[in-house]
N, C-alpha and C. Protein backbone atom coordinates (compact mmCIF):
# COMPACT_ATOMS: atom_id res chain seq x y z
N UNK A 1 -18.14 5.16 27.48
CA UNK A 1 -17.87 5.06 26.05
C UNK A 1 -17.61 3.62 25.69
N UNK A 2 -18.42 3.05 24.78
CA UNK A 2 -18.18 1.70 24.29
C UNK A 2 -17.11 1.69 23.22
N UNK A 3 -16.56 0.53 23.01
CA UNK A 3 -15.57 0.39 21.93
C UNK A 3 -16.26 0.50 20.58
N UNK A 4 -15.61 1.12 19.64
CA UNK A 4 -16.17 1.29 18.30
C UNK A 4 -15.99 0.01 17.50
N UNK A 5 -17.03 -0.32 16.73
CA UNK A 5 -17.03 -1.52 15.90
C UNK A 5 -16.35 -1.20 14.57
N UNK A 6 -15.29 -1.96 14.25
CA UNK A 6 -14.46 -1.66 13.08
C UNK A 6 -14.38 -2.88 12.16
N UNK A 7 -14.51 -2.61 10.87
CA UNK A 7 -14.23 -3.60 9.84
C UNK A 7 -12.99 -3.19 9.08
N UNK A 8 -12.19 -4.15 8.69
CA UNK A 8 -10.94 -3.87 7.98
C UNK A 8 -11.02 -4.48 6.58
N UNK A 9 -10.64 -3.70 5.58
CA UNK A 9 -10.59 -4.15 4.19
C UNK A 9 -9.15 -4.39 3.78
N UNK A 10 -8.89 -5.56 3.18
CA UNK A 10 -7.54 -5.91 2.74
C UNK A 10 -7.59 -6.50 1.33
N UNK A 11 -6.43 -6.49 0.67
CA UNK A 11 -6.28 -7.19 -0.60
C UNK A 11 -5.09 -8.13 -0.60
N UNK A 12 -4.24 -8.02 0.41
CA UNK A 12 -2.99 -8.78 0.39
C UNK A 12 -2.65 -9.41 1.72
N UNK A 13 -1.37 -9.25 2.11
CA UNK A 13 -0.84 -9.96 3.27
C UNK A 13 -1.36 -9.51 4.61
N UNK A 14 -1.86 -8.29 4.70
CA UNK A 14 -2.52 -7.85 5.91
C UNK A 14 -1.62 -7.47 7.06
N UNK A 15 -0.42 -6.97 6.79
CA UNK A 15 0.47 -6.64 7.92
C UNK A 15 -0.06 -5.46 8.73
N UNK A 16 -0.62 -4.45 8.08
CA UNK A 16 -1.22 -3.34 8.83
C UNK A 16 -2.47 -3.79 9.56
N UNK A 17 -3.27 -4.65 8.93
CA UNK A 17 -4.43 -5.22 9.61
C UNK A 17 -4.00 -5.94 10.87
N UNK A 18 -2.92 -6.74 10.77
CA UNK A 18 -2.46 -7.50 11.93
C UNK A 18 -1.97 -6.57 13.04
N UNK A 19 -1.30 -5.48 12.67
CA UNK A 19 -0.84 -4.51 13.68
C UNK A 19 -2.04 -3.92 14.42
N UNK A 20 -3.11 -3.63 13.69
CA UNK A 20 -4.31 -3.07 14.32
C UNK A 20 -4.99 -4.12 15.21
N UNK A 21 -5.07 -5.35 14.72
CA UNK A 21 -5.69 -6.42 15.52
C UNK A 21 -4.93 -6.60 16.83
N UNK A 22 -3.60 -6.62 16.75
CA UNK A 22 -2.80 -6.78 17.97
C UNK A 22 -3.03 -5.60 18.93
N UNK A 23 -3.08 -4.39 18.38
CA UNK A 23 -3.33 -3.21 19.24
C UNK A 23 -4.71 -3.30 19.89
N UNK A 24 -5.68 -3.86 19.17
CA UNK A 24 -7.05 -3.91 19.69
C UNK A 24 -7.20 -4.89 20.85
N UNK A 25 -6.19 -5.71 21.08
CA UNK A 25 -6.24 -6.66 22.21
C UNK A 25 -6.07 -5.95 23.56
N UNK A 26 -5.53 -4.74 23.53
CA UNK A 26 -5.36 -3.98 24.77
C UNK A 26 -6.73 -3.54 25.29
N UNK A 27 -6.94 -3.69 26.57
CA UNK A 27 -8.26 -3.39 27.15
C UNK A 27 -8.63 -1.91 27.01
N UNK A 28 -7.64 -1.03 26.91
CA UNK A 28 -7.94 0.40 26.80
C UNK A 28 -8.00 0.89 25.35
N UNK A 29 -7.84 -0.02 24.38
CA UNK A 29 -7.92 0.40 22.98
C UNK A 29 -9.39 0.60 22.62
N UNK A 30 -9.75 1.75 22.00
CA UNK A 30 -11.16 2.11 21.86
C UNK A 30 -11.89 1.43 20.70
N UNK A 31 -11.31 0.33 20.19
CA UNK A 31 -11.84 -0.31 18.99
C UNK A 31 -11.94 -1.81 19.19
N UNK A 32 -13.00 -2.38 18.61
CA UNK A 32 -13.16 -3.83 18.53
C UNK A 32 -13.21 -4.20 17.05
N UNK A 33 -12.36 -5.15 16.63
CA UNK A 33 -12.35 -5.56 15.23
C UNK A 33 -13.45 -6.60 15.04
N UNK A 34 -14.43 -6.26 14.23
CA UNK A 34 -15.61 -7.10 14.01
C UNK A 34 -15.38 -8.07 12.85
N UNK A 35 -14.75 -7.59 11.78
CA UNK A 35 -14.59 -8.42 10.59
C UNK A 35 -13.42 -7.92 9.75
N UNK A 36 -12.92 -8.84 8.92
CA UNK A 36 -11.92 -8.50 7.90
C UNK A 36 -12.48 -8.99 6.57
N UNK A 37 -12.61 -8.09 5.60
CA UNK A 37 -13.14 -8.45 4.29
C UNK A 37 -12.09 -8.20 3.22
N UNK A 38 -12.11 -9.02 2.19
CA UNK A 38 -11.15 -8.89 1.10
C UNK A 38 -11.84 -9.04 -0.25
N UNK A 39 -11.29 -8.35 -1.23
CA UNK A 39 -11.74 -8.50 -2.61
C UNK A 39 -11.00 -9.64 -3.32
N UNK A 40 -10.03 -10.26 -2.62
CA UNK A 40 -9.23 -11.32 -3.22
C UNK A 40 -9.27 -12.56 -2.33
N UNK A 41 -9.81 -13.68 -2.85
CA UNK A 41 -9.90 -14.89 -2.04
C UNK A 41 -8.55 -15.39 -1.55
N UNK A 42 -7.48 -15.08 -2.30
CA UNK A 42 -6.15 -15.58 -1.96
C UNK A 42 -5.38 -14.65 -1.03
N UNK A 43 -5.99 -13.58 -0.57
CA UNK A 43 -5.29 -12.61 0.29
C UNK A 43 -4.77 -13.30 1.55
N UNK A 44 -3.46 -13.19 1.77
CA UNK A 44 -2.84 -13.85 2.91
C UNK A 44 -3.35 -13.36 4.25
N UNK A 45 -3.79 -12.12 4.30
CA UNK A 45 -4.29 -11.56 5.55
C UNK A 45 -5.55 -12.25 6.06
N UNK A 46 -6.30 -12.89 5.18
CA UNK A 46 -7.51 -13.61 5.62
C UNK A 46 -7.15 -14.74 6.58
N UNK A 47 -6.07 -15.45 6.29
CA UNK A 47 -5.64 -16.54 7.17
C UNK A 47 -5.20 -16.00 8.52
N UNK A 48 -4.46 -14.89 8.50
CA UNK A 48 -4.02 -14.26 9.75
C UNK A 48 -5.22 -13.85 10.59
N UNK A 49 -6.20 -13.21 9.94
CA UNK A 49 -7.40 -12.76 10.67
C UNK A 49 -8.14 -13.95 11.27
N UNK A 50 -8.28 -15.02 10.50
CA UNK A 50 -8.97 -16.21 11.00
C UNK A 50 -8.23 -16.81 12.20
N UNK A 51 -6.89 -16.82 12.11
CA UNK A 51 -6.09 -17.33 13.24
C UNK A 51 -6.27 -16.47 14.48
N UNK A 52 -6.58 -15.20 14.28
CA UNK A 52 -6.82 -14.28 15.40
C UNK A 52 -8.27 -14.35 15.90
N UNK A 53 -9.07 -15.22 15.27
CA UNK A 53 -10.45 -15.39 15.71
C UNK A 53 -11.41 -14.34 15.19
N UNK A 54 -11.03 -13.68 14.11
CA UNK A 54 -11.87 -12.61 13.54
C UNK A 54 -12.63 -13.17 12.34
N UNK A 55 -13.89 -12.80 12.23
CA UNK A 55 -14.72 -13.21 11.10
C UNK A 55 -14.10 -12.65 9.82
N UNK A 56 -13.98 -13.51 8.79
CA UNK A 56 -13.47 -13.06 7.50
C UNK A 56 -14.56 -13.24 6.45
N UNK A 57 -14.46 -12.42 5.42
CA UNK A 57 -15.47 -12.47 4.35
C UNK A 57 -14.79 -12.08 3.04
N UNK A 58 -15.10 -12.80 1.97
CA UNK A 58 -14.55 -12.48 0.66
C UNK A 58 -15.69 -12.08 -0.28
N UNK A 59 -15.49 -10.96 -0.93
CA UNK A 59 -16.36 -10.56 -2.05
C UNK A 59 -15.39 -10.31 -3.21
N UNK A 60 -15.32 -11.27 -4.12
CA UNK A 60 -14.35 -11.20 -5.21
C UNK A 60 -14.80 -10.17 -6.24
N UNK A 61 -13.97 -9.15 -6.43
CA UNK A 61 -14.35 -8.08 -7.37
C UNK A 61 -14.50 -8.60 -8.80
N UNK A 62 -13.86 -9.74 -9.11
CA UNK A 62 -13.96 -10.30 -10.46
C UNK A 62 -15.35 -10.87 -10.75
N UNK A 63 -16.16 -11.03 -9.71
CA UNK A 63 -17.51 -11.58 -9.89
C UNK A 63 -18.53 -10.51 -10.26
N UNK A 64 -18.08 -9.26 -10.42
CA UNK A 64 -19.02 -8.16 -10.65
C UNK A 64 -18.69 -7.47 -11.97
N UNK A 65 -19.72 -7.01 -12.68
CA UNK A 65 -19.49 -6.41 -14.00
C UNK A 65 -18.91 -5.00 -13.93
N UNK A 66 -19.11 -4.29 -12.81
CA UNK A 66 -18.63 -2.92 -12.69
C UNK A 66 -18.08 -2.67 -11.29
N UNK A 67 -17.29 -1.61 -11.17
CA UNK A 67 -16.80 -1.19 -9.85
C UNK A 67 -17.98 -0.88 -8.92
N UNK A 68 -18.98 -0.21 -9.48
CA UNK A 68 -20.14 0.20 -8.67
C UNK A 68 -20.89 -1.02 -8.12
N UNK A 69 -21.01 -2.06 -8.94
CA UNK A 69 -21.71 -3.27 -8.49
C UNK A 69 -20.94 -3.95 -7.36
N UNK A 70 -19.62 -4.03 -7.51
CA UNK A 70 -18.79 -4.59 -6.44
C UNK A 70 -18.91 -3.73 -5.19
N UNK A 71 -18.77 -2.42 -5.34
CA UNK A 71 -18.83 -1.52 -4.19
C UNK A 71 -20.17 -1.62 -3.47
N UNK A 72 -21.25 -1.80 -4.22
CA UNK A 72 -22.58 -1.93 -3.60
C UNK A 72 -22.65 -3.20 -2.77
N UNK A 73 -22.10 -4.29 -3.29
CA UNK A 73 -22.10 -5.55 -2.54
C UNK A 73 -21.24 -5.44 -1.28
N UNK A 74 -20.08 -4.83 -1.41
CA UNK A 74 -19.20 -4.67 -0.25
C UNK A 74 -19.84 -3.75 0.79
N UNK A 75 -20.44 -2.66 0.34
CA UNK A 75 -21.12 -1.76 1.28
C UNK A 75 -22.24 -2.48 2.01
N UNK A 76 -23.00 -3.29 1.29
CA UNK A 76 -24.10 -4.03 1.93
C UNK A 76 -23.56 -4.93 3.03
N UNK A 77 -22.43 -5.60 2.77
CA UNK A 77 -21.85 -6.45 3.80
C UNK A 77 -21.39 -5.62 5.00
N UNK A 78 -20.68 -4.53 4.73
CA UNK A 78 -20.18 -3.70 5.83
C UNK A 78 -21.34 -3.14 6.66
N UNK A 79 -22.39 -2.70 6.00
CA UNK A 79 -23.56 -2.18 6.72
C UNK A 79 -24.18 -3.26 7.59
N UNK A 80 -24.20 -4.51 7.09
CA UNK A 80 -24.81 -5.61 7.84
C UNK A 80 -24.05 -5.91 9.13
N UNK A 81 -22.79 -5.48 9.20
CA UNK A 81 -21.98 -5.72 10.39
C UNK A 81 -22.13 -4.63 11.45
N UNK A 82 -22.95 -3.62 11.16
CA UNK A 82 -23.22 -2.53 12.11
C UNK A 82 -21.92 -1.87 12.60
N UNK A 83 -21.09 -1.49 11.64
CA UNK A 83 -19.78 -0.93 11.95
C UNK A 83 -19.87 0.56 12.23
N UNK A 84 -18.96 1.02 13.07
CA UNK A 84 -18.78 2.46 13.29
C UNK A 84 -17.75 3.05 12.34
N UNK A 85 -16.74 2.24 12.01
CA UNK A 85 -15.62 2.69 11.17
C UNK A 85 -15.19 1.59 10.23
N UNK A 86 -14.67 1.99 9.06
CA UNK A 86 -14.07 1.06 8.11
C UNK A 86 -12.62 1.49 7.91
N UNK A 87 -11.71 0.51 8.01
CA UNK A 87 -10.28 0.75 7.89
C UNK A 87 -9.77 0.04 6.64
N UNK A 88 -9.18 0.79 5.72
CA UNK A 88 -8.56 0.21 4.53
C UNK A 88 -7.09 -0.03 4.85
N UNK A 89 -6.69 -1.29 4.81
CA UNK A 89 -5.31 -1.66 5.16
C UNK A 89 -4.73 -2.49 4.02
N UNK A 90 -4.21 -1.79 3.02
CA UNK A 90 -3.74 -2.49 1.84
C UNK A 90 -4.89 -2.99 0.99
N UNK A 91 -5.97 -2.21 0.95
CA UNK A 91 -7.12 -2.53 0.11
C UNK A 91 -6.88 -1.86 -1.23
N UNK A 92 -6.47 -2.65 -2.22
CA UNK A 92 -5.97 -2.11 -3.48
C UNK A 92 -7.08 -1.99 -4.52
N UNK A 93 -8.06 -1.17 -4.19
CA UNK A 93 -9.16 -0.91 -5.10
C UNK A 93 -9.41 0.59 -5.17
N UNK A 94 -9.66 1.09 -6.36
CA UNK A 94 -10.15 2.46 -6.49
C UNK A 94 -11.65 2.38 -6.25
N UNK A 95 -12.10 3.04 -5.20
CA UNK A 95 -13.50 2.93 -4.78
C UNK A 95 -14.34 4.03 -5.42
N UNK A 96 -15.61 3.70 -5.60
CA UNK A 96 -16.55 4.66 -6.18
C UNK A 96 -17.38 5.28 -5.06
N UNK A 97 -18.14 6.34 -5.37
CA UNK A 97 -19.00 6.95 -4.36
C UNK A 97 -20.03 5.98 -3.77
N UNK A 98 -20.34 4.90 -4.49
CA UNK A 98 -21.28 3.90 -3.98
C UNK A 98 -20.79 3.34 -2.63
N UNK A 99 -19.47 3.17 -2.51
CA UNK A 99 -18.89 2.68 -1.26
C UNK A 99 -18.43 3.82 -0.35
N UNK A 100 -17.91 4.87 -0.93
CA UNK A 100 -17.32 5.95 -0.13
C UNK A 100 -18.38 6.79 0.58
N UNK A 101 -19.44 7.15 -0.13
CA UNK A 101 -20.42 8.09 0.44
C UNK A 101 -21.07 7.59 1.73
N UNK A 102 -21.48 6.32 1.82
CA UNK A 102 -22.13 5.89 3.07
C UNK A 102 -21.20 5.91 4.28
N UNK A 103 -19.88 5.94 4.03
CA UNK A 103 -18.92 5.90 5.13
C UNK A 103 -18.16 7.22 5.26
N UNK A 104 -18.69 8.28 4.71
CA UNK A 104 -18.01 9.59 4.77
C UNK A 104 -17.69 9.95 6.21
N UNK A 105 -16.43 10.28 6.45
CA UNK A 105 -15.97 10.62 7.79
C UNK A 105 -15.78 9.43 8.70
N UNK A 106 -16.02 8.22 8.18
CA UNK A 106 -15.90 7.00 8.99
C UNK A 106 -15.10 5.91 8.27
N UNK A 107 -14.38 6.28 7.21
CA UNK A 107 -13.51 5.34 6.49
C UNK A 107 -12.13 5.97 6.39
N UNK A 108 -11.10 5.21 6.83
CA UNK A 108 -9.74 5.73 6.80
C UNK A 108 -8.84 4.78 6.02
N UNK A 109 -7.71 5.32 5.60
CA UNK A 109 -6.74 4.57 4.78
C UNK A 109 -5.34 4.96 5.22
N UNK A 110 -4.40 4.06 4.96
CA UNK A 110 -2.99 4.41 5.14
C UNK A 110 -2.33 4.36 3.79
N UNK A 111 -1.48 5.36 3.54
CA UNK A 111 -0.80 5.48 2.24
C UNK A 111 0.69 5.64 2.48
N UNK A 112 1.53 4.93 1.71
CA UNK A 112 2.97 4.97 1.95
C UNK A 112 3.68 6.16 1.30
N UNK A 113 3.26 7.35 1.68
CA UNK A 113 3.99 8.56 1.33
C UNK A 113 3.53 9.67 2.27
N UNK A 114 4.24 10.77 2.22
CA UNK A 114 3.84 11.95 2.98
C UNK A 114 2.88 12.77 2.10
N UNK A 115 1.63 12.37 2.12
CA UNK A 115 0.64 13.09 1.31
C UNK A 115 0.68 14.58 1.66
N UNK A 116 0.49 15.45 0.70
CA UNK A 116 -0.05 15.20 -0.63
C UNK A 116 0.96 14.70 -1.67
N UNK A 117 2.19 14.44 -1.28
CA UNK A 117 3.17 13.91 -2.23
C UNK A 117 2.85 12.46 -2.60
N UNK A 118 3.06 12.12 -3.85
CA UNK A 118 3.09 10.73 -4.33
C UNK A 118 1.82 9.95 -4.06
N UNK A 119 0.73 10.47 -4.58
CA UNK A 119 -0.51 9.70 -4.55
C UNK A 119 -0.37 8.53 -5.51
N UNK A 120 -1.16 7.47 -5.27
CA UNK A 120 -1.11 6.33 -6.17
C UNK A 120 0.00 5.35 -5.83
N UNK A 121 0.52 4.70 -6.85
CA UNK A 121 1.46 3.59 -6.68
C UNK A 121 2.92 4.03 -6.77
N UNK A 122 3.82 3.11 -6.45
CA UNK A 122 5.28 3.27 -6.61
C UNK A 122 5.83 4.48 -5.86
N UNK A 123 5.32 4.70 -4.66
CA UNK A 123 5.69 5.89 -3.91
C UNK A 123 7.16 5.90 -3.50
N UNK A 124 7.70 4.75 -3.15
CA UNK A 124 9.09 4.70 -2.67
C UNK A 124 10.06 5.00 -3.82
N UNK A 125 9.81 4.41 -4.98
CA UNK A 125 10.63 4.69 -6.16
C UNK A 125 10.58 6.18 -6.50
N UNK A 126 9.40 6.74 -6.46
CA UNK A 126 9.23 8.14 -6.84
C UNK A 126 9.94 9.08 -5.87
N UNK A 127 9.88 8.78 -4.56
CA UNK A 127 10.56 9.63 -3.57
C UNK A 127 12.07 9.58 -3.75
N UNK A 128 12.61 8.39 -4.01
CA UNK A 128 14.06 8.26 -4.23
C UNK A 128 14.46 8.99 -5.52
N UNK A 129 13.69 8.77 -6.59
CA UNK A 129 14.01 9.40 -7.88
C UNK A 129 13.97 10.92 -7.80
N UNK A 130 13.11 11.46 -6.93
CA UNK A 130 12.99 12.91 -6.79
C UNK A 130 14.12 13.51 -5.95
N UNK A 131 14.92 12.63 -5.32
CA UNK A 131 15.99 13.13 -4.47
C UNK A 131 15.52 13.63 -3.12
N UNK A 132 14.33 13.19 -2.69
CA UNK A 132 13.81 13.63 -1.39
C UNK A 132 14.71 13.16 -0.25
N UNK A 133 14.74 13.94 0.81
CA UNK A 133 15.54 13.60 1.99
C UNK A 133 14.76 12.78 3.00
N UNK A 134 13.42 12.87 2.92
CA UNK A 134 12.59 12.07 3.82
C UNK A 134 11.35 11.57 3.09
N UNK A 135 10.79 10.55 3.68
CA UNK A 135 9.62 9.87 3.12
C UNK A 135 8.79 9.43 4.32
N UNK A 136 7.74 8.69 4.11
CA UNK A 136 6.97 8.24 5.26
C UNK A 136 5.63 7.70 4.86
N UNK A 137 4.66 7.86 5.78
CA UNK A 137 3.33 7.33 5.56
C UNK A 137 2.30 8.28 6.16
N UNK A 138 1.08 8.17 5.65
CA UNK A 138 -0.01 9.06 6.03
C UNK A 138 -1.28 8.25 6.27
N UNK A 139 -1.94 8.52 7.38
CA UNK A 139 -3.30 8.01 7.58
C UNK A 139 -4.24 9.18 7.27
N UNK A 140 -5.25 8.88 6.44
CA UNK A 140 -6.16 9.94 6.01
C UNK A 140 -7.58 9.40 5.87
N UNK A 141 -8.53 10.31 5.90
CA UNK A 141 -9.92 9.94 5.61
C UNK A 141 -10.06 9.65 4.12
N UNK A 142 -10.89 8.67 3.79
CA UNK A 142 -11.13 8.33 2.39
C UNK A 142 -12.19 9.27 1.83
N UNK A 143 -11.87 9.86 0.68
CA UNK A 143 -12.82 10.69 -0.06
C UNK A 143 -12.84 10.20 -1.51
N UNK A 144 -13.66 10.82 -2.33
CA UNK A 144 -13.81 10.37 -3.71
C UNK A 144 -12.52 10.52 -4.52
N UNK A 145 -11.66 11.46 -4.17
CA UNK A 145 -10.40 11.63 -4.89
C UNK A 145 -9.35 10.69 -4.29
N UNK A 146 -8.58 10.04 -5.14
CA UNK A 146 -7.59 9.04 -4.72
C UNK A 146 -6.54 9.65 -3.79
N UNK A 147 -6.37 9.05 -2.62
CA UNK A 147 -5.33 9.45 -1.65
C UNK A 147 -5.36 10.95 -1.38
N UNK A 148 -6.57 11.49 -1.19
CA UNK A 148 -6.71 12.94 -1.12
C UNK A 148 -7.50 13.44 0.09
N UNK A 149 -7.99 12.55 0.95
CA UNK A 149 -8.82 13.00 2.06
C UNK A 149 -8.02 13.71 3.14
N UNK A 150 -8.72 14.35 4.07
CA UNK A 150 -8.06 15.05 5.16
C UNK A 150 -7.09 14.13 5.93
N UNK A 151 -5.92 14.68 6.23
CA UNK A 151 -4.86 13.92 6.90
C UNK A 151 -5.15 13.82 8.40
N UNK A 152 -4.99 12.62 8.93
CA UNK A 152 -5.18 12.36 10.35
C UNK A 152 -3.84 12.35 11.07
N UNK A 153 -2.84 11.67 10.47
CA UNK A 153 -1.52 11.56 11.11
C UNK A 153 -0.49 11.15 10.06
N UNK A 154 0.76 11.52 10.34
CA UNK A 154 1.87 11.13 9.46
C UNK A 154 3.06 10.69 10.29
N UNK A 155 3.89 9.84 9.69
CA UNK A 155 5.18 9.46 10.29
C UNK A 155 6.24 9.60 9.21
N UNK A 156 7.41 10.08 9.61
CA UNK A 156 8.49 10.34 8.66
C UNK A 156 9.68 9.42 8.92
N UNK A 157 10.36 9.07 7.82
CA UNK A 157 11.62 8.34 7.91
C UNK A 157 12.62 9.02 6.98
N UNK A 158 13.92 8.95 7.31
CA UNK A 158 14.91 9.52 6.40
C UNK A 158 15.09 8.62 5.18
N UNK A 159 15.41 9.24 4.06
CA UNK A 159 15.88 8.48 2.90
C UNK A 159 17.40 8.52 2.97
N UNK A 160 18.00 7.34 3.07
CA UNK A 160 19.44 7.23 3.30
C UNK A 160 20.19 6.93 2.00
N UNK A 161 21.46 7.33 1.93
CA UNK A 161 22.24 6.99 0.76
C UNK A 161 22.23 5.47 0.54
N UNK A 162 22.03 5.06 -0.69
CA UNK A 162 22.02 3.63 -0.99
C UNK A 162 20.67 2.97 -0.83
N UNK A 163 19.66 3.72 -0.36
CA UNK A 163 18.33 3.13 -0.23
C UNK A 163 17.81 2.66 -1.59
N UNK A 164 17.23 1.48 -1.60
CA UNK A 164 16.47 1.01 -2.75
C UNK A 164 14.99 1.16 -2.37
N UNK A 165 14.11 1.06 -3.35
CA UNK A 165 12.68 1.12 -3.00
C UNK A 165 12.29 0.07 -1.95
N UNK A 166 12.85 -1.14 -2.04
CA UNK A 166 12.49 -2.19 -1.08
C UNK A 166 13.01 -1.88 0.32
N UNK A 167 14.23 -1.36 0.42
CA UNK A 167 14.78 -1.02 1.73
C UNK A 167 13.97 0.12 2.36
N UNK A 168 13.66 1.12 1.55
CA UNK A 168 12.87 2.25 2.04
C UNK A 168 11.46 1.80 2.43
N UNK A 169 10.86 0.93 1.62
CA UNK A 169 9.52 0.43 1.93
C UNK A 169 9.50 -0.29 3.27
N UNK A 170 10.54 -1.07 3.55
CA UNK A 170 10.60 -1.81 4.82
C UNK A 170 10.69 -0.84 6.00
N UNK A 171 11.46 0.24 5.85
CA UNK A 171 11.60 1.24 6.92
C UNK A 171 10.27 1.97 7.14
N UNK A 172 9.58 2.28 6.05
CA UNK A 172 8.28 2.95 6.17
C UNK A 172 7.25 2.02 6.82
N UNK A 173 7.29 0.73 6.47
CA UNK A 173 6.31 -0.21 7.00
C UNK A 173 6.40 -0.33 8.52
N UNK A 174 7.61 -0.26 9.06
CA UNK A 174 7.77 -0.28 10.52
C UNK A 174 6.97 0.86 11.14
N UNK A 175 7.06 2.03 10.52
CA UNK A 175 6.32 3.20 11.04
C UNK A 175 4.82 3.06 10.81
N UNK A 176 4.42 2.47 9.68
CA UNK A 176 3.00 2.26 9.41
C UNK A 176 2.37 1.45 10.53
N UNK A 177 3.07 0.41 10.97
CA UNK A 177 2.52 -0.50 11.99
C UNK A 177 2.35 0.19 13.34
N UNK A 178 3.07 1.27 13.58
CA UNK A 178 2.89 2.06 14.80
C UNK A 178 1.84 3.15 14.59
N UNK A 179 1.92 3.81 13.43
CA UNK A 179 1.06 4.96 13.16
C UNK A 179 -0.41 4.58 13.00
N UNK A 180 -0.69 3.49 12.29
CA UNK A 180 -2.08 3.19 11.96
C UNK A 180 -2.92 2.87 13.20
N UNK A 181 -2.46 2.02 14.11
CA UNK A 181 -3.27 1.80 15.31
C UNK A 181 -3.49 3.08 16.12
N UNK A 182 -2.45 3.91 16.23
CA UNK A 182 -2.58 5.16 16.99
C UNK A 182 -3.58 6.11 16.33
N UNK A 183 -3.52 6.21 15.01
CA UNK A 183 -4.44 7.09 14.29
C UNK A 183 -5.87 6.56 14.37
N UNK A 184 -6.03 5.23 14.29
CA UNK A 184 -7.36 4.65 14.42
C UNK A 184 -7.95 4.93 15.79
N UNK A 185 -7.14 4.80 16.83
CA UNK A 185 -7.61 5.10 18.20
C UNK A 185 -8.06 6.55 18.29
N UNK A 186 -7.29 7.45 17.70
CA UNK A 186 -7.64 8.88 17.71
C UNK A 186 -8.98 9.12 17.04
N UNK A 187 -9.19 8.51 15.87
CA UNK A 187 -10.45 8.68 15.14
C UNK A 187 -11.61 8.08 15.93
N UNK A 188 -11.40 6.90 16.49
CA UNK A 188 -12.47 6.23 17.25
C UNK A 188 -12.89 7.09 18.44
N UNK A 189 -11.92 7.68 19.13
CA UNK A 189 -12.24 8.53 20.27
C UNK A 189 -13.00 9.79 19.85
N UNK A 190 -12.70 10.27 18.64
CA UNK A 190 -13.37 11.50 18.16
C UNK A 190 -14.83 11.25 17.85
N UNK A 191 -15.22 9.99 17.66
CA UNK A 191 -16.61 9.66 17.34
C UNK A 191 -17.47 9.54 18.58
N UNK A 192 -16.85 9.55 19.73
CA UNK A 192 -17.61 9.32 20.98
C UNK A 192 -18.55 10.47 21.29
């Protein structure tokens, strides 16, 4: 079994991307990171990826008249890299079928809630406001519906008295950095 070729999509600092890159350095990890692409030229994760020796690519969504046009350009780039899987790691774009359909069953995302709870933004605030006792993160397959694809793995954290959204987010992020590489390895092995 060869290692699966993976591209990572980011929009920001890239902490989940970096966790995956570090995990991929292990000789028994079933994935090779081929490229990191961003829709934002200023994304901090691009510098981290370059420092790790990974090819980076920017396709600025502001350069396109429609979501579909941007998604078509991004898909063309991803296809040119001959990838087996696409990993969304803080890729803050609502994607259209132009990008999602060609990668059906081969594109995954991490979301900072215990899906199906709290799709979309502000998940930590919403969990605290609801009085939930626990929160967490979910790795799932990307489908046309936002944060709605089949769940691959979840990690839970307690919501503690006095938690603010930022404190809770930091606790969830620690789990994200463990969960995402493990879930990616599981998906990569399932493709063999």
